[in-house]
Protein backbone atom coordinates (compact mmCIF):
# COMPACT_ATOMS: atom_id res chain seq x y z
CA MET A 1 107.12 96.43 69.43
CA LEU A 2 106.16 93.71 71.91
CA TYR A 3 102.73 93.67 73.48
CA THR A 4 102.12 91.58 76.61
CA TYR A 5 98.73 90.58 78.02
CA PRO A 6 97.54 88.39 80.90
CA ASP A 7 95.53 85.39 79.83
CA TYR A 8 92.26 86.81 81.19
CA TYR A 9 92.61 90.13 79.31
CA GLU A 10 90.01 89.43 76.60
CA LYS A 11 87.38 88.25 79.07
CA PHE A 12 86.49 91.76 80.10
CA LYS A 13 83.20 93.30 78.95
CA CYS A 14 81.91 96.50 80.51
CA VAL A 15 78.55 96.03 82.30
CA ALA A 16 77.82 99.75 82.11
CA GLY A 17 74.83 100.85 84.15
CA LYS A 18 74.61 97.42 85.79
CA CYS A 19 77.88 98.00 87.55
CA GLU A 20 77.77 98.37 91.33
CA ASP A 21 80.07 101.40 91.06
CA THR A 22 81.22 103.80 88.39
CA CYS A 23 84.63 104.43 86.93
CA CYS A 24 83.65 108.14 86.43
CA ALA A 25 83.74 109.26 90.10
CA GLY A 26 86.24 109.47 92.87
CA TRP A 27 89.18 110.52 90.75
CA GLN A 28 89.95 113.36 88.37
CA ILE A 29 90.11 112.17 84.73
CA VAL A 30 93.01 113.69 82.82
CA ILE A 31 92.31 114.51 79.19
CA ASP A 32 95.04 113.87 76.57
CA ASP A 33 96.10 116.72 74.32
CA GLU A 34 94.43 115.40 71.19
CA SER A 35 91.05 115.08 72.91
CA VAL A 36 91.39 118.51 74.42
CA GLU A 37 91.66 120.01 70.93
CA LYS A 38 88.75 117.90 69.79
CA TYR A 39 86.60 119.19 72.69
CA LYS A 40 87.58 122.74 71.98
CA LYS A 41 86.25 122.42 68.47
CA ILE A 42 83.00 120.89 69.69
CA CYS A 43 82.50 123.61 72.31
CA SER A 44 83.32 126.59 70.09
CA GLY A 45 82.57 128.09 66.69
CA ILE A 46 79.14 128.60 65.16
CA TYR A 47 77.70 125.79 67.23
CA LYS A 48 79.21 126.95 70.50
CA ASN A 49 78.00 124.69 73.33
CA ILE A 50 78.14 126.58 76.64
CA GLN A 51 76.67 123.74 78.66
CA GLU A 52 79.37 121.26 77.55
CA GLU A 53 82.13 123.85 77.84
CA LYS A 54 81.34 124.19 81.53
CA ARG A 55 81.88 120.48 82.06
CA ILE A 56 85.48 120.64 80.80
CA ASP A 57 88.44 122.45 82.44
CA PHE A 58 90.49 123.19 79.39
CA GLU A 59 93.25 124.92 81.40
CA GLU A 60 93.87 121.96 83.66
CA LYS A 61 92.95 119.40 80.95
CA VAL A 62 90.52 117.54 83.12
CA PHE A 63 86.74 116.93 83.32
CA ARG A 64 85.13 119.02 85.97
CA GLN A 65 83.55 117.25 88.89
CA CYS A 66 80.18 117.63 90.59
CA ALA A 67 79.04 116.43 94.03
CA ASP A 68 80.81 113.32 95.35
CA LYS A 69 83.66 113.86 92.85
CA ARG A 70 81.48 112.65 90.04
CA CYS A 71 82.52 113.51 86.49
CA ALA A 72 80.31 116.36 85.15
CA PHE A 73 79.35 114.15 82.21
CA LEU A 74 78.10 111.35 84.49
CA ASN A 75 74.31 111.38 84.74
CA GLU A 76 72.02 110.12 87.53
CA ASP A 77 71.74 106.74 85.78
CA ASN A 78 75.52 106.31 86.02
CA LEU A 79 75.78 106.62 82.23
CA CYS A 80 77.99 109.04 80.27
CA ASP A 81 76.31 111.99 78.63
CA MET A 82 79.32 112.45 76.37
CA TYR A 83 78.79 108.93 74.99
CA ILE A 84 75.07 109.54 74.63
CA GLU A 85 75.41 112.90 72.93
CA TRP A 86 78.64 112.68 70.99
CA GLY A 87 79.29 108.97 70.57
CA GLU A 88 82.08 106.61 71.62
CA GLU A 89 84.59 108.27 69.24
CA SER A 90 84.44 111.35 71.46
CA PHE A 91 86.08 109.57 74.44
CA CYS A 92 89.49 110.74 75.60
CA LYS A 93 92.27 108.17 75.88
CA THR A 94 91.62 107.40 79.57
CA CYS A 95 87.89 106.80 79.07
CA ARG A 96 88.52 104.81 75.97
CA THR A 97 91.01 102.44 77.55
CA TYR A 98 89.99 102.05 81.19
CA PRO A 99 90.00 99.53 82.89
CA ARG A 100 92.69 98.49 80.51
CA HIS A 101 96.00 99.65 81.96
CA ILE A 102 99.21 100.05 80.01
CA GLU A 103 102.79 100.16 81.29
CA GLU A 104 105.19 101.59 78.70
CA PHE A 105 108.81 100.56 78.18
CA GLU A 106 111.16 100.89 75.17
CA ASN A 107 109.63 98.66 72.44
CA VAL A 108 107.38 97.00 75.03
CA ARG A 109 103.83 97.68 76.09
CA GLU A 110 102.40 95.68 78.95
CA TYR A 111 98.62 95.53 79.21
CA THR A 112 96.52 94.45 82.09
CA LEU A 113 93.04 94.96 83.49
CA SER A 114 92.90 97.30 86.50
CA LEU A 115 91.82 95.84 89.80
CA SER A 116 90.06 99.08 90.52
CA CYS A 117 87.20 98.12 88.16
CA PRO A 118 84.69 95.86 89.92
CA GLU A 119 84.11 93.65 86.88
CA ALA A 120 87.86 93.37 86.16
CA ALA A 121 88.50 92.53 89.86
CA ARG A 122 85.81 89.83 89.61
CA ILE A 123 87.64 88.33 86.58
CA ILE A 124 91.11 88.48 88.20
CA LEU A 125 90.07 87.14 91.61
CA SER A 126 87.78 84.34 90.37
CA ASN A 127 90.54 82.81 88.31
CA SER A 128 91.64 79.53 89.93
CA ASP A 129 94.39 78.89 87.38
CA LYS A 130 97.92 80.21 87.62
CA ILE A 131 98.04 83.39 85.62
CA SER A 132 100.11 83.29 82.43
CA PHE A 133 100.93 85.96 79.85
CA TYR A 134 101.06 85.95 76.12
CA THR A 135 102.84 88.37 73.70
CA GLU A 136 102.12 89.82 70.24
CA GLU A 137 104.61 91.62 68.06
CA ASP A 138 104.49 94.20 65.20
CA ASP A 139 107.05 96.09 63.16
CA GLU A 140 106.79 99.34 65.10
CA ASP A 141 110.11 100.42 66.61
CA GLU A 142 111.11 103.16 69.04
CA THR A 143 114.37 104.35 70.57
CA ASP A 144 114.85 105.92 73.97
CA GLU A 145 118.50 106.70 74.64
CA GLU A 146 117.90 107.09 78.40
CA PHE A 147 116.15 103.75 78.80
CA ASP A 148 118.26 101.18 80.62
CA ILE A 149 117.69 98.05 78.56
CA PHE A 150 120.06 95.97 80.68
CA LEU A 151 118.22 96.79 83.90
CA PHE A 152 114.84 96.14 82.22
CA SER A 153 115.95 92.74 80.97
CA LEU A 154 117.13 91.83 84.41
CA LEU A 155 113.83 92.95 85.97
CA GLU A 156 111.89 90.88 83.41
CA ASP A 157 113.93 87.79 84.33
CA ALA A 158 113.57 88.53 88.04
CA ARG A 159 109.79 88.95 87.64
CA ASP A 160 109.48 85.56 86.02
CA VAL A 161 111.11 84.04 89.08
CA LEU A 162 108.87 86.09 91.41
CA PHE A 163 105.86 84.64 89.52
CA THR A 164 107.18 81.14 90.04
CA ILE A 165 107.57 81.75 93.75
CA LEU A 166 104.13 83.41 94.14
CA GLN A 167 102.44 80.54 92.24
CA GLY A 168 104.19 77.88 94.31
CA ARG A 169 101.06 76.50 95.96
CA ASN A 170 102.88 73.90 98.01
CA LYS A 171 103.77 76.84 100.30
CA SER A 172 101.55 79.14 102.37
CA ILE A 173 100.89 82.56 100.99
CA SER A 174 102.80 84.12 103.89
CA GLU A 175 105.86 82.03 103.08
CA ARG A 176 105.67 83.00 99.46
CA ALA A 177 105.31 86.70 100.36
CA LEU A 178 108.32 86.44 102.67
CA LEU A 179 110.41 84.84 99.97
CA VAL A 180 109.67 87.42 97.31
CA CYS A 181 110.52 90.15 99.87
CA ASP A 182 113.84 88.41 100.56
CA MET A 183 114.59 88.24 96.88
CA ALA A 184 113.72 91.84 96.28
CA GLU A 185 115.96 92.94 99.19
CA GLU A 186 118.86 90.88 97.90
CA LEU A 187 118.35 92.30 94.39
CA GLN A 188 118.20 95.83 95.71
CA GLU A 189 121.39 95.49 97.81
CA THR A 190 123.27 93.93 94.89
CA LEU A 191 122.05 96.54 92.40
CA ASP A 192 123.00 99.37 94.66
CA GLU A 193 126.41 98.03 95.55
CA ASP A 194 127.58 96.03 92.53
CA GLY A 195 125.45 97.07 89.60
CA VAL A 196 123.01 95.42 87.18
CA PHE A 197 125.10 92.56 85.94
CA ALA A 198 125.91 91.21 89.43
CA CYS A 199 122.17 90.85 89.97
CA ASN A 200 122.05 87.97 87.52
CA ASP A 201 123.57 85.77 90.20
CA VAL A 202 120.71 86.65 92.55
CA VAL A 203 118.08 85.77 89.92
CA GLU A 204 119.82 82.46 89.14
CA LYS A 205 120.05 81.63 92.80
CA TYR A 206 116.34 81.91 93.35
CA SER A 207 115.50 80.36 90.01
CA ASP A 208 117.67 77.34 90.75
CA ALA A 209 116.19 77.06 94.23
CA MET A 210 112.67 76.92 92.74
CA CYS A 211 113.65 74.33 90.12
CA LYS A 212 115.60 72.07 92.52
CA LYS A 213 113.47 72.67 95.61
CA SER A 214 116.75 73.46 97.40
CA THR A 215 118.07 75.71 100.08
CA VAL A 216 116.21 78.99 99.54
CA PHE A 217 112.78 77.45 99.78
CA GLU A 218 113.81 75.03 102.45
CA GLU A 219 114.81 77.94 104.64
CA THR A 220 111.18 79.11 104.79
CA ASP A 221 110.36 75.84 106.58
CA MET A 222 112.36 77.07 109.57
CA VAL A 223 110.64 80.50 109.61
CA SER A 224 108.83 81.05 112.81
CA GLU A 225 105.50 82.86 113.15
CA SER A 226 107.37 85.77 114.66
CA VAL A 227 108.86 86.71 111.32
CA GLN A 228 105.93 85.95 109.14
CA ILE A 229 104.52 88.90 107.11
CA ILE A 230 100.78 88.13 106.86
CA ASN A 231 98.91 87.60 110.15
CA HIS A 232 101.79 89.20 112.09
CA TYR A 233 100.52 91.90 114.45
CA GLU A 234 103.44 94.35 114.49
CA LYS A 235 104.34 94.00 110.80
CA SER A 236 100.71 94.25 109.69
CA LEU A 237 100.09 97.29 111.85
CA VAL A 238 103.03 99.12 110.25
CA MET A 239 101.69 98.32 106.80
CA PHE A 240 98.09 99.21 107.73
CA ARG A 241 99.11 102.57 109.08
CA LYS A 242 100.30 103.53 105.61
CA LEU A 243 96.64 103.84 104.70
CA TYR A 244 96.51 106.94 106.88
CA GLU A 245 99.40 108.53 104.96
CA MET A 246 97.56 108.26 101.70
CA GLU A 247 95.62 110.97 99.89
CA LEU A 248 91.90 110.34 100.54
CA LEU A 249 89.78 109.83 97.38
CA ASN A 250 86.63 108.33 98.86
CA GLU A 251 85.05 109.11 102.21
CA ILE A 252 83.50 105.64 102.38
CA TRP A 253 87.03 104.21 102.28
CA ALA A 254 88.04 106.42 105.19
CA ASP A 255 85.20 105.00 107.22
CA MET A 256 86.19 101.50 106.31
CA THR A 257 89.76 102.12 107.33
CA ASP A 258 88.78 103.53 110.72
CA GLU A 259 86.43 100.60 111.28
CA ALA A 260 89.14 98.07 110.49
CA ALA A 261 91.61 99.79 112.79
CA GLU A 262 89.15 99.53 115.62
CA LEU A 263 87.89 96.02 114.99
CA VAL A 264 91.23 94.40 114.13
CA PHE A 265 94.05 96.27 115.88
CA ALA A 266 92.63 98.35 118.76
CA GLU A 267 92.55 95.60 121.40
CA GLY A 268 96.19 94.56 120.93
CA LYS A 269 98.22 91.58 119.84
CA ASP A 270 96.53 88.82 121.69
CA ASN A 271 93.08 89.67 120.41
CA TYR A 272 94.54 90.16 116.94
CA ASN A 273 96.10 86.68 116.92
CA LYS A 274 92.88 85.16 118.19
CA LEU A 275 90.79 86.89 115.47
CA HIS A 276 93.26 85.84 112.73
CA LYS A 277 93.25 82.19 113.89
CA GLU A 278 89.48 82.07 113.85
CA PHE A 279 89.27 83.87 110.49
CA GLU A 280 91.82 81.57 108.89
CA GLU A 281 89.95 78.50 110.09
CA TRP A 282 86.66 79.96 108.82
CA LEU A 283 88.18 80.72 105.40
CA ASP A 284 89.55 77.19 105.08
CA ILE A 285 85.99 75.83 105.55
CA HIS A 286 83.91 78.39 103.68
CA ILE A 287 86.18 79.92 101.00
CA LYS A 288 88.41 77.00 100.24
CA ASN A 289 90.27 78.79 97.45
CA HIS A 290 91.16 81.88 99.45
CA ASN A 291 94.91 81.28 99.13
CA ILE A 292 94.55 81.36 95.40
CA ILE A 293 92.69 84.73 95.65
CA TRP A 294 95.59 86.18 97.71
CA GLU A 295 98.03 84.74 95.09
CA GLN A 296 96.15 86.53 92.27
CA ILE A 297 96.38 89.84 94.17
CA LEU A 298 100.13 89.53 94.59
CA VAL A 299 100.66 88.47 90.98
CA TYR A 300 98.54 91.37 89.83
CA PHE A 301 100.54 94.03 91.64
CA VAL A 302 103.93 92.46 90.80
CA SER A 303 103.06 92.05 87.12
CA THR A 304 101.78 95.64 86.88
CA TYR A 305 104.44 97.52 88.79
CA PHE A 306 107.70 95.53 89.31
CA CYS A 307 109.35 96.35 86.02
CA GLY A 308 108.69 100.04 86.60
CA ALA A 309 111.78 99.91 88.81
CA VAL A 310 113.71 100.44 85.52
CA TYR A 311 112.78 104.15 85.90
CA ASP A 312 113.66 104.66 89.52
CA GLY A 313 115.67 101.70 90.70
CA ASN A 314 113.30 101.02 93.58
CA VAL A 315 113.05 97.24 93.45
CA THR A 316 112.07 96.69 97.02
CA GLY A 317 109.49 99.48 96.90
CA LYS A 318 107.55 97.67 94.20
CA ILE A 319 107.51 94.38 96.18
CA ASN A 320 106.74 96.22 99.42
CA MET A 321 103.76 97.83 97.82
CA SER A 322 102.48 94.50 96.49
CA VAL A 323 102.76 92.75 99.87
CA THR A 324 101.39 95.71 101.79
CA SER A 325 98.41 95.78 99.40
CA LEU A 326 97.57 92.17 100.15
CA VAL A 327 97.97 92.74 103.94
CA CYS A 328 95.76 95.77 103.88
CA ILE A 329 93.01 94.06 101.82
CA TYR A 330 93.23 91.02 104.12
CA GLU A 331 92.84 93.11 107.30
CA MET A 332 89.95 95.07 105.75
CA LEU A 333 88.29 91.74 104.94
CA LEU A 334 88.79 90.49 108.48
CA ALA A 335 87.03 93.64 109.76
CA ARG A 336 84.17 93.10 107.31
CA TRP A 337 83.84 89.53 108.48
CA ILE A 338 83.64 90.62 112.08
CA LYS A 339 81.09 93.31 111.29
CA ASN A 340 78.97 90.84 109.30
CA ASP A 341 78.69 88.46 112.27
CA LYS A 342 81.48 86.35 110.90
CA GLU A 343 80.17 85.91 107.37
CA LEU A 344 81.97 86.81 104.16
CA ASN A 345 81.39 86.03 100.52
CA PHE A 346 83.27 86.47 97.20
CA ASP A 347 81.43 89.71 96.44
CA ASP A 348 82.83 91.16 99.73
CA ILE A 349 86.34 90.28 98.58
CA VAL A 350 85.77 91.87 95.17
CA THR A 351 84.42 95.02 96.79
CA VAL A 352 87.24 95.52 99.26
CA ALA A 353 89.87 94.71 96.60
CA TYR A 354 88.55 97.18 93.94
CA MET A 355 87.94 99.92 96.52
CA TYR A 356 91.47 99.54 97.86
CA SER A 357 92.84 99.56 94.33
CA ARG A 358 91.03 102.81 93.54
CA GLU A 359 92.50 104.55 96.50
CA LEU A 360 95.98 103.37 95.65
CA GLU A 361 96.18 103.22 91.85
CA HIS A 362 94.14 106.28 90.98
CA SER A 363 96.60 108.54 92.80
CA ASP A 364 100.30 108.96 92.01
CA ILE A 365 100.72 110.33 95.49
CA ASN A 366 99.39 107.17 97.04
CA LEU A 367 101.56 104.96 94.84
CA GLU A 368 104.62 106.83 96.09
CA VAL A 369 103.44 106.44 99.69
CA MET A 370 103.10 102.68 99.36
CA GLU A 371 106.44 102.30 97.58
CA GLY A 372 108.21 104.40 100.23
């Protein structure tokens, strides 16, 4: 079995009650079968614990929620009563691993830190280096007869090229986003029409272009602002509207979305372009590494979700979700900048990024919406 980790993975340490938010509210925590049986034993028998039993929905295999969708075990100090009363060994799989996220493939486990955790988001977005990944291996082996190992191998190779494009800092972030969208569309079309093996030519084409600085990247020099992805009124509006198709997990996020729609989009294209020009100029002066932050967001979503296309064949959906996520976060930050009298700091970026990630990544429904 191969285990893959981003280079920042071991930097995470939970700050517990000092965290500005909690990972135990706003989403329903699913309990794994082994933990369900463990909790049944704790809550039954001669030491039957009625109070604890009421906090667990054994039929649905979830922790019950109180006001504001807070886990029933979360106390007023934002600490876990289960941990306090039963110890860390009592945690279910989700509580034990979060914010460590695992994507599972045949003989491969890909680990990352979830952007939905404020501390993890701070680690990811404060990294000025190009993210790299390392692997470990053990003797464990598994077989899944339905797993398409050829498609997965192709996706891994394609993702490596996507990383190279996204980390090509001699180009603007919008140009990089446009190029990965182009590559994904070409891969999808080739996969649908000609099959997996024909896609190798597409991967080689973009890989060679990156190595030789040849035609594919040169074509982006001729791209006009009218077909850019980021800071483009019509394209950004289409992406932003997807937020209204999502399942709502946090009422505060709904208010932020409405506020951004009003401040950024409501007065039309000319005002939008004016605001973006001013915001971009402000960022260049006050947050000089902002393009690296946007890069890290794109690399995060691509690294986490792209190879999941092995299960549904939706290559473009994974890239569209990644780019849409950056656009939505960017527009929300623009709105916050306007609201804050044209001031913004790194903590604002972390807050918007992790709150967006919670709305998206803590809901399978919302992931499907963004990939659609």
